[in-house]
Amino acid sequence: MAKRRLGKTDEAEALYREGYETTRRTFGATSPTTLISMVNLGSFYARERRCKEHAAFLDETAAVCRQHSLPDTPNLGLALR
C-alpha cells in the first residue's frame, strides 16, 4: 500500500501479485488466505482504475468465493464490494 501511495504502482502491483501467487501455491487456490490475497489484488486494480483487469479478476474471485467460502465468512462480501 505504501508503494502505491508513493506513486510506485508498478512495484505495488508486483507485490500484490506476488502475495496472491505465493498464498495460492502455499495454501491452495481456495483457502481463505488465498481468497483474501485475491481480494487485495482486485482492490488494487479498482483503486488504480484499471477496469479491465479489475473486472476479470473480480469475476474469478467472486466465483471462487461463492464455491468455497462458508456463507457467514466475509470473503464473498469483500470480493463483491
PDB file of N, CA and C in Angstrom:
ATOM      1  N   MET A   1       0.813  -1.171   0.000  1.00  0.00           N
ATOM      2  CA  MET A   1       0.000   0.000   0.000  1.00  0.00           C
ATOM      3  C   MET A   1       0.871   1.254   0.000  1.00  0.00           C
ATOM      4  N   ALA A   2       1.972   1.220   0.741  1.00  0.00           N
ATOM      5  CA  ALA A   2       2.838   2.388   0.809  1.00  0.00           C
ATOM      6  C   ALA A   2       3.438   2.716  -0.554  1.00  0.00           C
ATOM      7  N   LYS A   3       3.829   1.706  -1.307  1.00  0.00           N
ATOM      8  CA  LYS A   3       4.403   1.955  -2.626  1.00  0.00           C
ATOM      9  C   LYS A   3       3.372   2.588  -3.559  1.00  0.00           C
ATOM     10  N   ARG A   4       2.123   2.150  -3.470  1.00  0.00           N
ATOM     11  CA  ARG A   4       1.076   2.741  -4.295  1.00  0.00           C
ATOM     12  C   ARG A   4       0.892   4.199  -3.920  1.00  0.00           C
ATOM     13  N   ARG A   5       0.895   4.480  -2.634  1.00  0.00           N
ATOM     14  CA  ARG A   5       0.740   5.862  -2.170  1.00  0.00           C
ATOM     15  C   ARG A   5       1.902   6.746  -2.603  1.00  0.00           C
ATOM     16  N   LEU A   6       3.071   6.145  -2.774  1.00  0.00           N
ATOM     17  CA  LEU A   6       4.240   6.907  -3.221  1.00  0.00           C
ATOM     18  C   LEU A   6       4.320   7.015  -4.739  1.00  0.00           C
ATOM     19  N   GLY A   7       3.304   6.498  -5.427  1.00  0.00           N
ATOM     20  CA  GLY A   7       3.282   6.572  -6.880  1.00  0.00           C
ATOM     21  C   GLY A   7       4.051   5.462  -7.557  1.00  0.00           C
ATOM     22  N   LYS A   8       4.448   4.461  -6.836  1.00  0.00           N
ATOM     23  CA  LYS A   8       5.195   3.336  -7.403  1.00  0.00           C
ATOM     24  C   LYS A   8       4.238   2.191  -7.685  1.00  0.00           C
ATOM     25  N   THR A   9       3.291   2.439  -8.592  1.00  0.00           N
ATOM     26  CA  THR A   9       2.234   1.463  -8.812  1.00  0.00           C
ATOM     27  C   THR A   9       2.745   0.167  -9.436  1.00  0.00           C
ATOM     28  N   ASP A  10       3.778   0.243 -10.275  1.00  0.00           N
ATOM     29  CA  ASP A  10       4.324  -0.987 -10.852  1.00  0.00           C
ATOM     30  C   ASP A  10       4.883  -1.895  -9.766  1.00  0.00           C
ATOM     31  N   GLU A  11       5.601  -1.295  -8.824  1.00  0.00           N
ATOM     32  CA  GLU A  11       6.159  -2.080  -7.723  1.00  0.00           C
ATOM     33  C   GLU A  11       5.050  -2.599  -6.813  1.00  0.00           C
ATOM     34  N   ALA A  12       4.055  -1.769  -6.568  1.00  0.00           N
ATOM     35  CA  ALA A  12       2.942  -2.183  -5.718  1.00  0.00           C
ATOM     36  C   ALA A  12       2.190  -3.352  -6.350  1.00  0.00           C
ATOM     37  N   GLU A  13       1.919  -3.253  -7.646  1.00  0.00           N
ATOM     38  CA  GLU A  13       1.224  -4.347  -8.315  1.00  0.00           C
ATOM     39  C   GLU A  13       2.028  -5.636  -8.230  1.00  0.00           C
ATOM     40  N   ALA A  14       3.327  -5.547  -8.419  1.00  0.00           N
ATOM     41  CA  ALA A  14       4.174  -6.739  -8.341  1.00  0.00           C
ATOM     42  C   ALA A  14       4.082  -7.378  -6.951  1.00  0.00           C
ATOM     43  N   LEU A  15       4.043  -6.566  -5.907  1.00  0.00           N
ATOM     44  CA  LEU A  15       3.942  -7.099  -4.552  1.00  0.00           C
ATOM     45  C   LEU A  15       2.581  -7.741  -4.291  1.00  0.00           C
ATOM     46  N   TYR A  16       1.507  -7.083  -4.739  1.00  0.00           N
ATOM     47  CA  TYR A  16       0.174  -7.680  -4.580  1.00  0.00           C
ATOM     48  C   TYR A  16       0.089  -9.009  -5.344  1.00  0.00           C
ATOM     49  N   ARG A  17       0.605  -9.025  -6.567  1.00  0.00           N
ATOM     50  CA  ARG A  17       0.549 -10.241  -7.380  1.00  0.00           C
ATOM     51  C   ARG A  17       1.411 -11.330  -6.750  1.00  0.00           C
ATOM     52  N   GLU A  18       2.596 -10.974  -6.260  1.00  0.00           N
ATOM     53  CA  GLU A  18       3.459 -11.966  -5.603  1.00  0.00           C
ATOM     54  C   GLU A  18       2.778 -12.540  -4.368  1.00  0.00           C
ATOM     55  N   GLY A  19       2.120 -11.686  -3.600  1.00  0.00           N
ATOM     56  CA  GLY A  19       1.394 -12.160  -2.424  1.00  0.00           C
ATOM     57  C   GLY A  19       0.309 -13.146  -2.793  1.00  0.00           C
ATOM     58  N   TYR A  20      -0.446 -12.813  -3.836  1.00  0.00           N
ATOM     59  CA  TYR A  20      -1.508 -13.708  -4.300  1.00  0.00           C
ATOM     60  C   TYR A  20      -0.932 -15.038  -4.783  1.00  0.00           C
ATOM     61  N   GLU A  21       0.081 -14.988  -5.627  1.00  0.00           N
ATOM     62  CA  GLU A  21       0.648 -16.214  -6.191  1.00  0.00           C
ATOM     63  C   GLU A  21       1.301 -17.083  -5.117  1.00  0.00           C
ATOM     64  N   THR A  22       1.941 -16.449  -4.141  1.00  0.00           N
ATOM     65  CA  THR A  22       2.581 -17.191  -3.056  1.00  0.00           C
ATOM     66  C   THR A  22       1.542 -17.883  -2.180  1.00  0.00           C
ATOM     67  N   THR A  23       0.486 -17.165  -1.816  1.00  0.00           N
ATOM     68  CA  THR A  23      -0.533 -17.802  -0.982  1.00  0.00           C
ATOM     69  C   THR A  23      -1.245 -18.914  -1.750  1.00  0.00           C
ATOM     70  N   ARG A  24      -1.430 -18.716  -3.038  1.00  0.00           N
ATOM     71  CA  ARG A  24      -2.085 -19.755  -3.846  1.00  0.00           C
ATOM     72  C   ARG A  24      -1.239 -21.033  -3.872  1.00  0.00           C
ATOM     73  N   ARG A  25       0.079 -20.875  -4.083  1.00  0.00           N
ATOM     74  CA  ARG A  25       0.974 -22.038  -4.100  1.00  0.00           C
ATOM     75  C   ARG A  25       1.059 -22.685  -2.717  1.00  0.00           C
ATOM     76  N   THR A  26       1.101 -21.868  -1.687  1.00  0.00           N
ATOM     77  CA  THR A  26       1.319 -22.369  -0.332  1.00  0.00           C
ATOM     78  C   THR A  26       0.068 -22.997   0.272  1.00  0.00           C
ATOM     79  N   PHE A  27      -1.061 -22.313   0.137  1.00  0.00           N
ATOM     80  CA  PHE A  27      -2.279 -22.736   0.822  1.00  0.00           C
ATOM     81  C   PHE A  27      -3.339 -23.342  -0.093  1.00  0.00           C
ATOM     82  N   GLY A  28      -3.157 -23.197  -1.397  1.00  0.00           N
ATOM     83  CA  GLY A  28      -4.149 -23.696  -2.342  1.00  0.00           C
ATOM     84  C   GLY A  28      -5.036 -22.574  -2.868  1.00  0.00           C
ATOM     85  N   ALA A  29      -5.656 -22.828  -4.006  1.00  0.00           N
ATOM     86  CA  ALA A  29      -6.421 -21.799  -4.712  1.00  0.00           C
ATOM     87  C   ALA A  29      -7.691 -21.381  -3.989  1.00  0.00           C
ATOM     88  N   THR A  30      -8.171 -22.199  -3.065  1.00  0.00           N
ATOM     89  CA  THR A  30      -9.450 -21.897  -2.439  1.00  0.00           C
ATOM     90  C   THR A  30      -9.364 -21.641  -0.938  1.00  0.00           C
ATOM     91  N   SER A  31      -8.170 -21.494  -0.396  1.00  0.00           N
ATOM     92  CA  SER A  31      -8.044 -21.258   1.043  1.00  0.00           C
ATOM     93  C   SER A  31      -8.483 -19.827   1.372  1.00  0.00           C
ATOM     94  N   PRO A  32      -8.945 -19.593   2.586  1.00  0.00           N
ATOM     95  CA  PRO A  32      -9.333 -18.235   2.982  1.00  0.00           C
ATOM     96  C   PRO A  32      -8.195 -17.227   2.816  1.00  0.00           C
ATOM     97  N   THR A  33      -6.972 -17.642   3.099  1.00  0.00           N
ATOM     98  CA  THR A  33      -5.825 -16.751   2.942  1.00  0.00           C
ATOM     99  C   THR A  33      -5.646 -16.347   1.479  1.00  0.00           C
ATOM    100  N   THR A  34      -5.784 -17.295   0.575  1.00  0.00           N
ATOM    101  CA  THR A  34      -5.656 -17.005  -0.846  1.00  0.00           C
ATOM    102  C   THR A  34      -6.796 -16.096  -1.308  1.00  0.00           C
ATOM    103  N   LEU A  35      -7.991 -16.342  -0.818  1.00  0.00           N
ATOM    104  CA  LEU A  35      -9.125 -15.508  -1.206  1.00  0.00           C
ATOM    105  C   LEU A  35      -8.921 -14.063  -0.763  1.00  0.00           C
ATOM    106  N   ILE A  36      -8.351 -13.861   0.403  1.00  0.00           N
ATOM    107  CA  ILE A  36      -8.049 -12.501   0.865  1.00  0.00           C
ATOM    108  C   ILE A  36      -7.015 -11.852  -0.046  1.00  0.00           C
ATOM    109  N   SER A  37      -5.995 -12.614  -0.448  1.00  0.00           N
ATOM    110  CA  SER A  37      -4.991 -12.085  -1.381  1.00  0.00           C
ATOM    111  C   SER A  37      -5.625 -11.724  -2.718  1.00  0.00           C
ATOM    112  N   MET A  38      -6.589 -12.520  -3.163  1.00  0.00           N
ATOM    113  CA  MET A  38      -7.294 -12.218  -4.413  1.00  0.00           C
ATOM    114  C   MET A  38      -8.067 -10.901  -4.279  1.00  0.00           C
ATOM    115  N   VAL A  39      -8.743 -10.742  -3.147  1.00  0.00           N
ATOM    116  CA  VAL A  39      -9.496  -9.514  -2.898  1.00  0.00           C
ATOM    117  C   VAL A  39      -8.548  -8.316  -2.866  1.00  0.00           C
ATOM    118  N   ASN A  40      -7.398  -8.469  -2.233  1.00  0.00           N
ATOM    119  CA  ASN A  40      -6.433  -7.368  -2.164  1.00  0.00           C
ATOM    120  C   ASN A  40      -5.950  -6.958  -3.551  1.00  0.00           C
ATOM    121  N   LEU A  41      -5.630  -7.934  -4.394  1.00  0.00           N
ATOM    122  CA  LEU A  41      -5.171  -7.613  -5.747  1.00  0.00           C
ATOM    123  C   LEU A  41      -6.296  -6.970  -6.548  1.00  0.00           C
ATOM    124  N   GLY A  42      -7.498  -7.501  -6.438  1.00  0.00           N
ATOM    125  CA  GLY A  42      -8.631  -6.903  -7.131  1.00  0.00           C
ATOM    126  C   GLY A  42      -8.897  -5.475  -6.672  1.00  0.00           C
ATOM    127  N   SER A  43      -8.772  -5.231  -5.373  1.00  0.00           N
ATOM    128  CA  SER A  43      -8.953  -3.878  -4.837  1.00  0.00           C
ATOM    129  C   SER A  43      -7.890  -2.923  -5.359  1.00  0.00           C
ATOM    130  N   PHE A  44      -6.675  -3.422  -5.507  1.00  0.00           N
ATOM    131  CA  PHE A  44      -5.609  -2.605  -6.087  1.00  0.00           C
ATOM    132  C   PHE A  44      -6.001  -2.157  -7.495  1.00  0.00           C
ATOM    133  N   TYR A  45      -6.467  -3.113  -8.305  1.00  0.00           N
ATOM    134  CA  TYR A  45      -6.884  -2.775  -9.670  1.00  0.00           C
ATOM    135  C   TYR A  45      -8.007  -1.737  -9.646  1.00  0.00           C
ATOM    136  N   ALA A  46      -8.934  -1.882  -8.726  1.00  0.00           N
ATOM    137  CA  ALA A  46     -10.049  -0.931  -8.636  1.00  0.00           C
ATOM    138  C   ALA A  46      -9.550   0.461  -8.265  1.00  0.00           C
ATOM    139  N   ARG A  47      -8.666   0.542  -7.284  1.00  0.00           N
ATOM    140  CA  ARG A  47      -8.140   1.847  -6.861  1.00  0.00           C
ATOM    141  C   ARG A  47      -7.350   2.528  -7.971  1.00  0.00           C
ATOM    142  N   GLU A  48      -6.702   1.727  -8.797  1.00  0.00           N
ATOM    143  CA  GLU A  48      -5.914   2.282  -9.898  1.00  0.00           C
ATOM    144  C   GLU A  48      -6.762   2.532 -11.153  1.00  0.00           C
ATOM    145  N   ARG A  49      -8.054   2.261 -11.045  1.00  0.00           N
ATOM    146  CA  ARG A  49      -8.993   2.451 -12.153  1.00  0.00           C
ATOM    147  C   ARG A  49      -8.597   1.641 -13.389  1.00  0.00           C
ATOM    148  N   ARG A  50      -8.126   0.445 -13.124  1.00  0.00           N
ATOM    149  CA  ARG A  50      -7.765  -0.483 -14.201  1.00  0.00           C
ATOM    150  C   ARG A  50      -8.926  -1.451 -14.371  1.00  0.00           C
ATOM    151  N   CYS A  51      -9.954  -0.925 -15.000  1.00  0.00           N
ATOM    152  CA  CYS A  51     -11.249  -1.609 -15.061  1.00  0.00           C
ATOM    153  C   CYS A  51     -11.178  -2.969 -15.726  1.00  0.00           C
ATOM    154  N   LYS A  52     -10.410  -3.101 -16.783  1.00  0.00           N
ATOM    155  CA  LYS A  52     -10.339  -4.381 -17.495  1.00  0.00           C
ATOM    156  C   LYS A  52      -9.780  -5.472 -16.580  1.00  0.00           C
ATOM    157  N   GLU A  53      -8.652  -5.186 -15.929  1.00  0.00           N
ATOM    158  CA  GLU A  53      -8.043  -6.161 -15.022  1.00  0.00           C
ATOM    159  C   GLU A  53      -8.957  -6.416 -13.829  1.00  0.00           C
ATOM    160  N   HIS A  54      -9.541  -5.334 -13.301  1.00  0.00           N
ATOM    161  CA  HIS A  54     -10.393  -5.459 -12.133  1.00  0.00           C
ATOM    162  C   HIS A  54     -11.606  -6.329 -12.428  1.00  0.00           C
ATOM    163  N   ALA A  55     -12.267  -6.100 -13.534  1.00  0.00           N
ATOM    164  CA  ALA A  55     -13.466  -6.870 -13.875  1.00  0.00           C
ATOM    165  C   ALA A  55     -13.150  -8.358 -14.033  1.00  0.00           C
ATOM    166  N   ALA A  56     -12.077  -8.661 -14.731  1.00  0.00           N
ATOM    167  CA  ALA A  56     -11.707 -10.069 -14.939  1.00  0.00           C
ATOM    168  C   ALA A  56     -11.351 -10.732 -13.615  1.00  0.00           C
ATOM    169  N   PHE A  57     -10.573 -10.056 -12.802  1.00  0.00           N
ATOM    170  CA  PHE A  57     -10.145 -10.631 -11.538  1.00  0.00           C
ATOM    171  C   PHE A  57     -11.318 -10.731 -10.569  1.00  0.00           C
ATOM    172  N   LEU A  58     -12.217  -9.755 -10.589  1.00  0.00           N
ATOM    173  CA  LEU A  58     -13.390  -9.790  -9.727  1.00  0.00           C
ATOM    174  C   LEU A  58     -14.270 -10.980 -10.058  1.00  0.00           C
ATOM    175  N   ASP A  59     -14.474 -11.232 -11.336  1.00  0.00           N
ATOM    176  CA  ASP A  59     -15.286 -12.381 -11.730  1.00  0.00           C
ATOM    177  C   ASP A  59     -14.690 -13.683 -11.193  1.00  0.00           C
ATOM    178  N   GLU A  60     -13.387 -13.835 -11.341  1.00  0.00           N
ATOM    179  CA  GLU A  60     -12.716 -15.043 -10.852  1.00  0.00           C
ATOM    180  C   GLU A  60     -12.809 -15.142  -9.332  1.00  0.00           C
ATOM    181  N   THR A  61     -12.545 -14.026  -8.645  1.00  0.00           N
ATOM    182  CA  THR A  61     -12.575 -14.007  -7.189  1.00  0.00           C
ATOM    183  C   THR A  61     -13.966 -14.340  -6.660  1.00  0.00           C
ATOM    184  N   ALA A  62     -14.988 -13.710  -7.236  1.00  0.00           N
ATOM    185  CA  ALA A  62     -16.357 -13.958  -6.783  1.00  0.00           C
ATOM    186  C   ALA A  62     -16.750 -15.418  -7.011  1.00  0.00           C
ATOM    187  N   ALA A  63     -16.367 -15.978  -8.140  1.00  0.00           N
ATOM    188  CA  ALA A  63     -16.702 -17.377  -8.432  1.00  0.00           C
ATOM    189  C   ALA A  63     -16.052 -18.313  -7.423  1.00  0.00           C
ATOM    190  N   VAL A  64     -14.783 -18.083  -7.124  1.00  0.00           N
ATOM    191  CA  VAL A  64     -14.082 -18.930  -6.150  1.00  0.00           C
ATOM    192  C   VAL A  64     -14.705 -18.764  -4.766  1.00  0.00           C
ATOM    193  N   CYS A  65     -15.013 -17.526  -4.387  1.00  0.00           N
ATOM    194  CA  CYS A  65     -15.618 -17.285  -3.072  1.00  0.00           C
ATOM    195  C   CYS A  65     -16.982 -17.950  -2.961  1.00  0.00           C
ATOM    196  N   ARG A  66     -17.773 -17.850  -4.014  1.00  0.00           N
ATOM    197  CA  ARG A  66     -19.105 -18.467  -3.980  1.00  0.00           C
ATOM    198  C   ARG A  66     -19.003 -19.989  -3.825  1.00  0.00           C
ATOM    199  N   GLN A  67     -18.020 -20.584  -4.457  1.00  0.00           N
ATOM    200  CA  GLN A  67     -17.872 -22.038  -4.405  1.00  0.00           C
ATOM    201  C   GLN A  67     -17.267 -22.539  -3.101  1.00  0.00           C
ATOM    202  N   HIS A  68     -16.343 -21.768  -2.531  1.00  0.00           N
ATOM    203  CA  HIS A  68     -15.517 -22.326  -1.461  1.00  0.00           C
ATOM    204  C   HIS A  68     -15.586 -21.597  -0.127  1.00  0.00           C
ATOM    205  N   SER A  69     -16.348 -20.524  -0.029  1.00  0.00           N
ATOM    206  CA  SER A  69     -16.462 -19.831   1.253  1.00  0.00           C
ATOM    207  C   SER A  69     -17.759 -20.228   1.941  1.00  0.00           C
ATOM    208  N   LEU A  70     -17.698 -20.287   3.233  1.00  0.00           N
ATOM    209  CA  LEU A  70     -18.917 -20.505   4.001  1.00  0.00           C
ATOM    210  C   LEU A  70     -19.779 -19.246   3.902  1.00  0.00           C
ATOM    211  N   PRO A  71     -21.094 -19.389   3.991  1.00  0.00           N
ATOM    212  CA  PRO A  71     -21.977 -18.233   3.825  1.00  0.00           C
ATOM    213  C   PRO A  71     -21.729 -17.101   4.822  1.00  0.00           C
ATOM    214  N   ASP A  72     -21.267 -17.419   6.015  1.00  0.00           N
ATOM    215  CA  ASP A  72     -21.090 -16.373   7.027  1.00  0.00           C
ATOM    216  C   ASP A  72     -19.653 -15.864   7.137  1.00  0.00           C
ATOM    217  N   THR A  73     -18.823 -16.111   6.142  1.00  0.00           N
ATOM    218  CA  THR A  73     -17.470 -15.565   6.140  1.00  0.00           C
ATOM    219  C   THR A  73     -17.449 -14.295   5.294  1.00  0.00           C
ATOM    220  N   PRO A  74     -16.530 -13.404   5.570  1.00  0.00           N
ATOM    221  CA  PRO A  74     -16.534 -12.114   4.866  1.00  0.00           C
ATOM    222  C   PRO A  74     -15.937 -12.149   3.461  1.00  0.00           C
ATOM    223  N   ASN A  75     -15.334 -13.244   3.026  1.00  0.00           N
ATOM    224  CA  ASN A  75     -14.633 -13.254   1.745  1.00  0.00           C
ATOM    225  C   ASN A  75     -15.522 -12.857   0.571  1.00  0.00           C
ATOM    226  N   LEU A  76     -16.707 -13.414   0.485  1.00  0.00           N
ATOM    227  CA  LEU A  76     -17.585 -13.091  -0.638  1.00  0.00           C
ATOM    228  C   LEU A  76     -18.008 -11.634  -0.587  1.00  0.00           C
ATOM    229  N   GLY A  77     -18.350 -11.159   0.579  1.00  0.00           N
ATOM    230  CA  GLY A  77     -18.714  -9.741   0.721  1.00  0.00           C
ATOM    231  C   GLY A  77     -17.583  -8.824   0.311  1.00  0.00           C
ATOM    232  N   LEU A  78     -16.370  -9.160   0.708  1.00  0.00           N
ATOM    233  CA  LEU A  78     -15.211  -8.350   0.314  1.00  0.00           C
ATOM    234  C   LEU A  78     -15.004  -8.385  -1.188  1.00  0.00           C
ATOM    235  N   ALA A  79     -15.175  -9.549  -1.791  1.00  0.00           N
ATOM    236  CA  ALA A  79     -14.972  -9.675  -3.230  1.00  0.00           C
ATOM    237  C   ALA A  79     -16.003  -8.860  -3.999  1.00  0.00           C
ATOM    238  N   LEU A  80     -17.225  -8.823  -3.508  1.00  0.00           N
ATOM    239  CA  LEU A  80     -18.288  -8.136  -4.233  1.00  0.00           C
ATOM    240  C   LEU A  80     -18.402  -6.652  -3.897  1.00  0.00           C
ATOM    241  N   ARG A  81     -17.717  -6.202  -2.894  1.00  0.00           N
ATOM    242  CA  ARG A  81     -17.842  -4.774  -2.539  1.00  0.00           C
ATOM    243  C   ARG A  81     -17.327  -3.942  -3.641  1.00  0.00           C
TER     244      ARG A  81
END
